[in-house]
Amino acid sequence: MSGINDYIDSEVKSNDVVLFMKGTPGFPQCGFSGQVVQILDYVGVDYKGVNVLTSAELRQGIKDYSNWPTIPQLYVKGEFVGGCDIVREMFQAGELQDFLVEKGVSVKGAA
């Protein structure tokens, strides 16, 4: 089990913004993953999408890693931000962009 945890840990720590999702950013395979992709694309942030459908171990591993039961899961600078609802609420409140900028992540839409 530690192998998958190490993999997740390295993805989270080596990429500024990582989205563990069902499918890929170009082809999301669930509506919630698709919504987060749309938001991240709209904000204009570079991120890495990790497709949890490639492995049952990864799909379970990410839930254990974050102690969060659902996918997608967004990480920024090694910190778990949340799933679709949290990301959408932050985006609608204008907090997501500020949060990313505060974390030192460049966004195209930032002033």
N, C-alpha and C. Protein backbone atom coordinates (compact mmCIF):
# COMPACT_ATOMS: atom_id res chain seq x y z
N MET A 1 0.83 -1.21 0.00
CA MET A 1 0.00 0.00 0.00
C MET A 1 0.86 1.26 0.00
N SER A 2 2.06 1.16 0.60
CA SER A 2 2.90 2.36 0.70
C SER A 2 3.35 2.85 -0.68
N GLY A 3 3.45 1.92 -1.65
CA GLY A 3 3.87 2.32 -2.99
C GLY A 3 2.93 3.36 -3.59
N ILE A 4 1.64 3.13 -3.49
CA ILE A 4 0.67 4.06 -4.07
C ILE A 4 0.68 5.37 -3.28
N ASN A 5 0.87 5.27 -1.98
CA ASN A 5 0.93 6.48 -1.16
C ASN A 5 2.14 7.33 -1.53
N ASP A 6 3.26 6.68 -1.77
CA ASP A 6 4.48 7.40 -2.18
C ASP A 6 4.26 8.07 -3.54
N TYR A 7 3.60 7.36 -4.44
CA TYR A 7 3.32 7.92 -5.77
C TYR A 7 2.45 9.17 -5.65
N ILE A 8 1.38 9.07 -4.88
CA ILE A 8 0.48 10.21 -4.69
C ILE A 8 1.23 11.37 -4.05
N ASP A 9 2.00 11.05 -3.02
CA ASP A 9 2.76 12.06 -2.30
C ASP A 9 3.71 12.80 -3.24
N SER A 10 4.39 12.05 -4.10
CA SER A 10 5.34 12.70 -5.01
C SER A 10 4.62 13.55 -6.05
N GLU A 11 3.46 13.10 -6.53
CA GLU A 11 2.68 13.90 -7.49
C GLU A 11 2.23 15.22 -6.83
N VAL A 12 1.74 15.10 -5.61
CA VAL A 12 1.21 16.26 -4.88
C VAL A 12 2.34 17.25 -4.59
N LYS A 13 3.52 16.73 -4.27
CA LYS A 13 4.63 17.61 -3.86
C LYS A 13 5.46 18.13 -5.02
N SER A 14 5.42 17.45 -6.17
CA SER A 14 6.27 17.87 -7.28
C SER A 14 5.53 18.73 -8.30
N ASN A 15 4.22 18.88 -8.14
CA ASN A 15 3.43 19.73 -9.04
C ASN A 15 2.73 20.80 -8.21
N ASP A 16 2.77 22.05 -8.67
CA ASP A 16 2.11 23.13 -7.93
C ASP A 16 0.62 22.88 -7.78
N VAL A 17 0.01 22.45 -8.88
CA VAL A 17 -1.44 22.22 -8.86
C VAL A 17 -1.71 20.85 -9.48
N VAL A 18 -2.34 19.98 -8.72
CA VAL A 18 -2.65 18.63 -9.19
C VAL A 18 -4.13 18.35 -8.96
N LEU A 19 -4.76 17.82 -9.99
CA LEU A 19 -6.16 17.40 -9.88
C LEU A 19 -6.22 15.89 -10.08
N PHE A 20 -6.58 15.19 -9.00
CA PHE A 20 -6.86 13.76 -9.13
C PHE A 20 -8.31 13.66 -9.58
N MET A 21 -8.51 13.05 -10.74
CA MET A 21 -9.82 13.12 -11.39
C MET A 21 -10.15 11.81 -12.10
N LYS A 22 -11.40 11.70 -12.51
CA LYS A 22 -11.81 10.57 -13.34
C LYS A 22 -11.71 11.03 -14.79
N GLY A 23 -10.78 10.39 -15.51
CA GLY A 23 -10.51 10.80 -16.87
C GLY A 23 -9.31 11.73 -16.91
N THR A 24 -9.19 12.48 -17.99
CA THR A 24 -8.08 13.41 -18.18
C THR A 24 -8.63 14.81 -18.40
N PRO A 25 -7.78 15.85 -18.24
CA PRO A 25 -8.28 17.21 -18.48
C PRO A 25 -8.91 17.37 -19.86
N GLY A 26 -8.37 16.68 -20.86
CA GLY A 26 -8.93 16.77 -22.21
C GLY A 26 -10.19 15.96 -22.39
N PHE A 27 -10.37 14.95 -21.53
CA PHE A 27 -11.52 14.06 -21.66
C PHE A 27 -11.97 13.58 -20.29
N PRO A 28 -12.59 14.49 -19.51
CA PRO A 28 -13.08 14.09 -18.19
C PRO A 28 -14.16 13.03 -18.32
N GLN A 29 -14.15 12.06 -17.40
CA GLN A 29 -15.12 10.97 -17.48
C GLN A 29 -16.13 11.00 -16.35
N CYS A 30 -16.26 12.15 -15.70
CA CYS A 30 -17.38 12.35 -14.79
C CYS A 30 -17.69 13.83 -14.71
N GLY A 31 -18.93 14.15 -14.44
CA GLY A 31 -19.37 15.55 -14.46
C GLY A 31 -18.64 16.42 -13.45
N PHE A 32 -18.36 15.86 -12.28
CA PHE A 32 -17.70 16.65 -11.23
C PHE A 32 -16.26 16.97 -11.62
N SER A 33 -15.58 15.96 -12.16
CA SER A 33 -14.21 16.19 -12.65
C SER A 33 -14.23 17.24 -13.76
N GLY A 34 -15.23 17.12 -14.65
CA GLY A 34 -15.36 18.07 -15.76
C GLY A 34 -15.57 19.49 -15.29
N GLN A 35 -16.35 19.66 -14.23
CA GLN A 35 -16.59 21.01 -13.69
C GLN A 35 -15.31 21.63 -13.16
N VAL A 36 -14.52 20.84 -12.43
CA VAL A 36 -13.28 21.37 -11.87
C VAL A 36 -12.30 21.71 -12.99
N VAL A 37 -12.23 20.87 -14.02
CA VAL A 37 -11.38 21.14 -15.18
C VAL A 37 -11.79 22.47 -15.83
N GLN A 38 -13.10 22.67 -16.00
CA GLN A 38 -13.58 23.92 -16.62
C GLN A 38 -13.17 25.13 -15.79
N ILE A 39 -13.30 25.00 -14.48
CA ILE A 39 -12.94 26.11 -13.59
C ILE A 39 -11.45 26.40 -13.67
N LEU A 40 -10.63 25.37 -13.59
CA LEU A 40 -9.17 25.56 -13.65
C LEU A 40 -8.76 26.14 -15.00
N ASP A 41 -9.39 25.67 -16.07
CA ASP A 41 -9.08 26.19 -17.40
C ASP A 41 -9.51 27.66 -17.51
N TYR A 42 -10.65 27.99 -16.93
CA TYR A 42 -11.16 29.35 -16.96
C TYR A 42 -10.23 30.30 -16.20
N VAL A 43 -9.78 29.84 -15.03
CA VAL A 43 -8.88 30.64 -14.21
C VAL A 43 -7.52 30.78 -14.91
N GLY A 44 -7.21 29.79 -15.74
CA GLY A 44 -5.98 29.86 -16.52
C GLY A 44 -4.76 29.42 -15.74
N VAL A 45 -4.92 28.37 -14.96
CA VAL A 45 -3.80 27.87 -14.16
C VAL A 45 -3.28 26.59 -14.80
N ASP A 46 -1.95 26.45 -14.80
CA ASP A 46 -1.35 25.20 -15.27
C ASP A 46 -1.51 24.16 -14.17
N TYR A 47 -1.95 22.99 -14.53
CA TYR A 47 -2.12 21.94 -13.53
C TYR A 47 -1.89 20.59 -14.17
N LYS A 48 -1.65 19.61 -13.34
CA LYS A 48 -1.51 18.25 -13.82
C LYS A 48 -2.76 17.47 -13.45
N GLY A 49 -3.34 16.79 -14.41
CA GLY A 49 -4.47 15.90 -14.14
C GLY A 49 -3.96 14.49 -13.98
N VAL A 50 -4.39 13.83 -12.91
CA VAL A 50 -4.03 12.43 -12.70
C VAL A 50 -5.31 11.60 -12.78
N ASN A 51 -5.34 10.69 -13.73
CA ASN A 51 -6.54 9.89 -13.98
C ASN A 51 -6.60 8.71 -13.01
N VAL A 52 -7.53 8.76 -12.07
CA VAL A 52 -7.65 7.70 -11.07
C VAL A 52 -8.31 6.44 -11.64
N LEU A 53 -8.87 6.55 -12.84
CA LEU A 53 -9.51 5.38 -13.44
C LEU A 53 -8.48 4.38 -13.97
N THR A 54 -7.22 4.77 -14.01
CA THR A 54 -6.19 3.87 -14.52
C THR A 54 -5.91 2.75 -13.53
N SER A 55 -6.28 2.93 -12.26
CA SER A 55 -5.96 1.91 -11.26
C SER A 55 -6.90 1.98 -10.07
N ALA A 56 -7.43 0.84 -9.68
CA ALA A 56 -8.31 0.77 -8.50
C ALA A 56 -7.52 1.14 -7.25
N GLU A 57 -6.25 0.77 -7.26
CA GLU A 57 -5.38 1.06 -6.12
C GLU A 57 -5.21 2.58 -5.95
N LEU A 58 -5.03 3.26 -7.06
CA LEU A 58 -4.89 4.72 -7.04
C LEU A 58 -6.20 5.36 -6.61
N ARG A 59 -7.31 4.83 -7.12
CA ARG A 59 -8.62 5.39 -6.80
C ARG A 59 -8.90 5.31 -5.30
N GLN A 60 -8.55 4.18 -4.70
CA GLN A 60 -8.72 4.04 -3.25
C GLN A 60 -7.62 4.80 -2.51
N GLY A 61 -6.42 4.76 -3.07
CA GLY A 61 -5.27 5.37 -2.42
C GLY A 61 -5.44 6.86 -2.19
N ILE A 62 -6.02 7.55 -3.18
CA ILE A 62 -6.18 9.01 -3.04
C ILE A 62 -7.22 9.33 -1.96
N LYS A 63 -8.21 8.48 -1.82
CA LYS A 63 -9.23 8.71 -0.77
C LYS A 63 -8.61 8.52 0.61
N ASP A 64 -7.73 7.52 0.72
CA ASP A 64 -7.04 7.28 1.99
C ASP A 64 -6.05 8.42 2.29
N TYR A 65 -5.37 8.85 1.23
CA TYR A 65 -4.33 9.88 1.37
C TYR A 65 -4.91 11.17 1.94
N SER A 66 -6.06 11.57 1.41
CA SER A 66 -6.67 12.85 1.80
C SER A 66 -7.68 12.69 2.92
N ASN A 67 -8.06 11.44 3.16
CA ASN A 67 -9.17 11.16 4.07
C ASN A 67 -10.43 11.87 3.59
N TRP A 68 -10.62 11.84 2.29
CA TRP A 68 -11.75 12.50 1.63
C TRP A 68 -12.41 11.47 0.72
N PRO A 69 -13.73 11.29 0.80
CA PRO A 69 -14.34 10.11 0.16
C PRO A 69 -14.61 10.22 -1.33
N THR A 70 -14.50 11.41 -1.90
CA THR A 70 -14.91 11.56 -3.29
C THR A 70 -13.77 12.08 -4.17
N ILE A 71 -13.99 11.90 -5.47
CA ILE A 71 -13.07 12.37 -6.50
C ILE A 71 -13.90 13.25 -7.40
N PRO A 72 -13.43 14.37 -7.90
CA PRO A 72 -12.05 14.82 -7.95
C PRO A 72 -11.54 15.42 -6.63
N GLN A 73 -10.22 15.52 -6.57
CA GLN A 73 -9.55 16.16 -5.44
C GLN A 73 -8.48 17.10 -5.99
N LEU A 74 -8.51 18.33 -5.50
CA LEU A 74 -7.56 19.33 -5.96
C LEU A 74 -6.52 19.61 -4.87
N TYR A 75 -5.26 19.61 -5.30
CA TYR A 75 -4.14 19.94 -4.40
C TYR A 75 -3.40 21.13 -4.97
N VAL A 76 -3.04 22.07 -4.09
CA VAL A 76 -2.24 23.22 -4.49
C VAL A 76 -1.05 23.31 -3.55
N LYS A 77 0.13 23.29 -4.13
CA LYS A 77 1.37 23.37 -3.35
C LYS A 77 1.39 22.36 -2.21
N GLY A 78 0.96 21.15 -2.50
CA GLY A 78 1.00 20.08 -1.51
C GLY A 78 -0.15 20.08 -0.52
N GLU A 79 -1.05 21.03 -0.66
CA GLU A 79 -2.15 21.16 0.29
C GLU A 79 -3.46 20.73 -0.36
N PHE A 80 -4.23 19.89 0.34
CA PHE A 80 -5.52 19.46 -0.17
C PHE A 80 -6.51 20.61 -0.08
N VAL A 81 -7.07 20.99 -1.22
CA VAL A 81 -8.03 22.10 -1.25
C VAL A 81 -9.45 21.59 -1.08
N GLY A 82 -9.82 20.57 -1.84
CA GLY A 82 -11.16 20.02 -1.71
C GLY A 82 -11.62 19.36 -3.00
N GLY A 83 -12.90 19.04 -3.01
CA GLY A 83 -13.51 18.42 -4.18
C GLY A 83 -14.28 19.43 -5.00
N CYS A 84 -15.15 18.93 -5.85
CA CYS A 84 -15.88 19.78 -6.79
C CYS A 84 -16.66 20.89 -6.11
N ASP A 85 -17.43 20.57 -5.06
CA ASP A 85 -18.27 21.58 -4.41
C ASP A 85 -17.45 22.71 -3.83
N ILE A 86 -16.36 22.35 -3.14
CA ILE A 86 -15.51 23.36 -2.50
C ILE A 86 -14.84 24.24 -3.55
N VAL A 87 -14.31 23.61 -4.60
CA VAL A 87 -13.64 24.36 -5.66
C VAL A 87 -14.64 25.30 -6.34
N ARG A 88 -15.85 24.79 -6.60
CA ARG A 88 -16.87 25.61 -7.26
C ARG A 88 -17.29 26.79 -6.38
N GLU A 89 -17.47 26.53 -5.09
CA GLU A 89 -17.85 27.62 -4.17
C GLU A 89 -16.75 28.67 -4.08
N MET A 90 -15.50 28.21 -3.99
CA MET A 90 -14.37 29.16 -3.93
C MET A 90 -14.31 29.98 -5.22
N PHE A 91 -14.53 29.33 -6.35
CA PHE A 91 -14.48 30.01 -7.64
C PHE A 91 -15.59 31.06 -7.74
N GLN A 92 -16.80 30.67 -7.36
CA GLN A 92 -17.95 31.58 -7.46
C GLN A 92 -17.78 32.78 -6.52
N ALA A 93 -17.11 32.55 -5.40
CA ALA A 93 -16.90 33.64 -4.44
C ALA A 93 -15.67 34.47 -4.80
N GLY A 94 -14.96 34.07 -5.87
CA GLY A 94 -13.75 34.79 -6.26
C GLY A 94 -12.56 34.46 -5.38
N GLU A 95 -12.69 33.43 -4.55
CA GLU A 95 -11.62 33.10 -3.61
C GLU A 95 -10.56 32.19 -4.22
N LEU A 96 -10.94 31.43 -5.24
CA LEU A 96 -10.01 30.45 -5.81
C LEU A 96 -8.80 31.16 -6.43
N GLN A 97 -9.07 32.20 -7.22
CA GLN A 97 -7.99 32.93 -7.85
C GLN A 97 -7.06 33.53 -6.80
N ASP A 98 -7.65 34.15 -5.77
CA ASP A 98 -6.85 34.76 -4.71
C ASP A 98 -6.01 33.71 -4.00
N PHE A 99 -6.63 32.57 -3.74
CA PHE A 99 -5.94 31.48 -3.06
C PHE A 99 -4.72 31.02 -3.86
N LEU A 100 -4.92 30.84 -5.17
CA LEU A 100 -3.83 30.40 -6.03
C LEU A 100 -2.69 31.42 -6.05
N VAL A 101 -3.06 32.70 -6.18
CA VAL A 101 -2.06 33.77 -6.23
C VAL A 101 -1.29 33.84 -4.91
N GLU A 102 -2.03 33.72 -3.80
CA GLU A 102 -1.39 33.71 -2.47
C GLU A 102 -0.37 32.59 -2.35
N LYS A 103 -0.68 31.46 -2.99
CA LYS A 103 0.19 30.28 -2.93
C LYS A 103 1.35 30.40 -3.90
N GLY A 104 1.36 31.48 -4.68
CA GLY A 104 2.45 31.69 -5.63
C GLY A 104 2.26 30.96 -6.94
N VAL A 105 1.01 30.63 -7.26
CA VAL A 105 0.71 29.95 -8.52
C VAL A 105 0.21 31.00 -9.50
N SER A 106 0.80 31.04 -10.68
CA SER A 106 0.39 32.07 -11.64
C SER A 106 -0.93 31.68 -12.31
N VAL A 107 -1.83 32.65 -12.39
CA VAL A 107 -3.09 32.47 -13.09
C VAL A 107 -3.21 33.53 -14.16
N LYS A 108 -3.75 33.13 -15.32
CA LYS A 108 -3.86 34.07 -16.44
C LYS A 108 -4.81 35.20 -16.14
N GLY A 109 -5.86 34.89 -15.34
CA GLY A 109 -6.88 35.90 -15.08
C GLY A 109 -6.50 36.87 -13.98
N ALA A 110 -5.31 36.71 -13.39
CA ALA A 110 -4.94 37.56 -12.25
C ALA A 110 -4.49 38.94 -12.72
N ALA A 111 -4.82 39.93 -11.95
CA ALA A 111 -4.45 41.31 -12.30
C ALA A 111 -2.95 41.50 -12.15
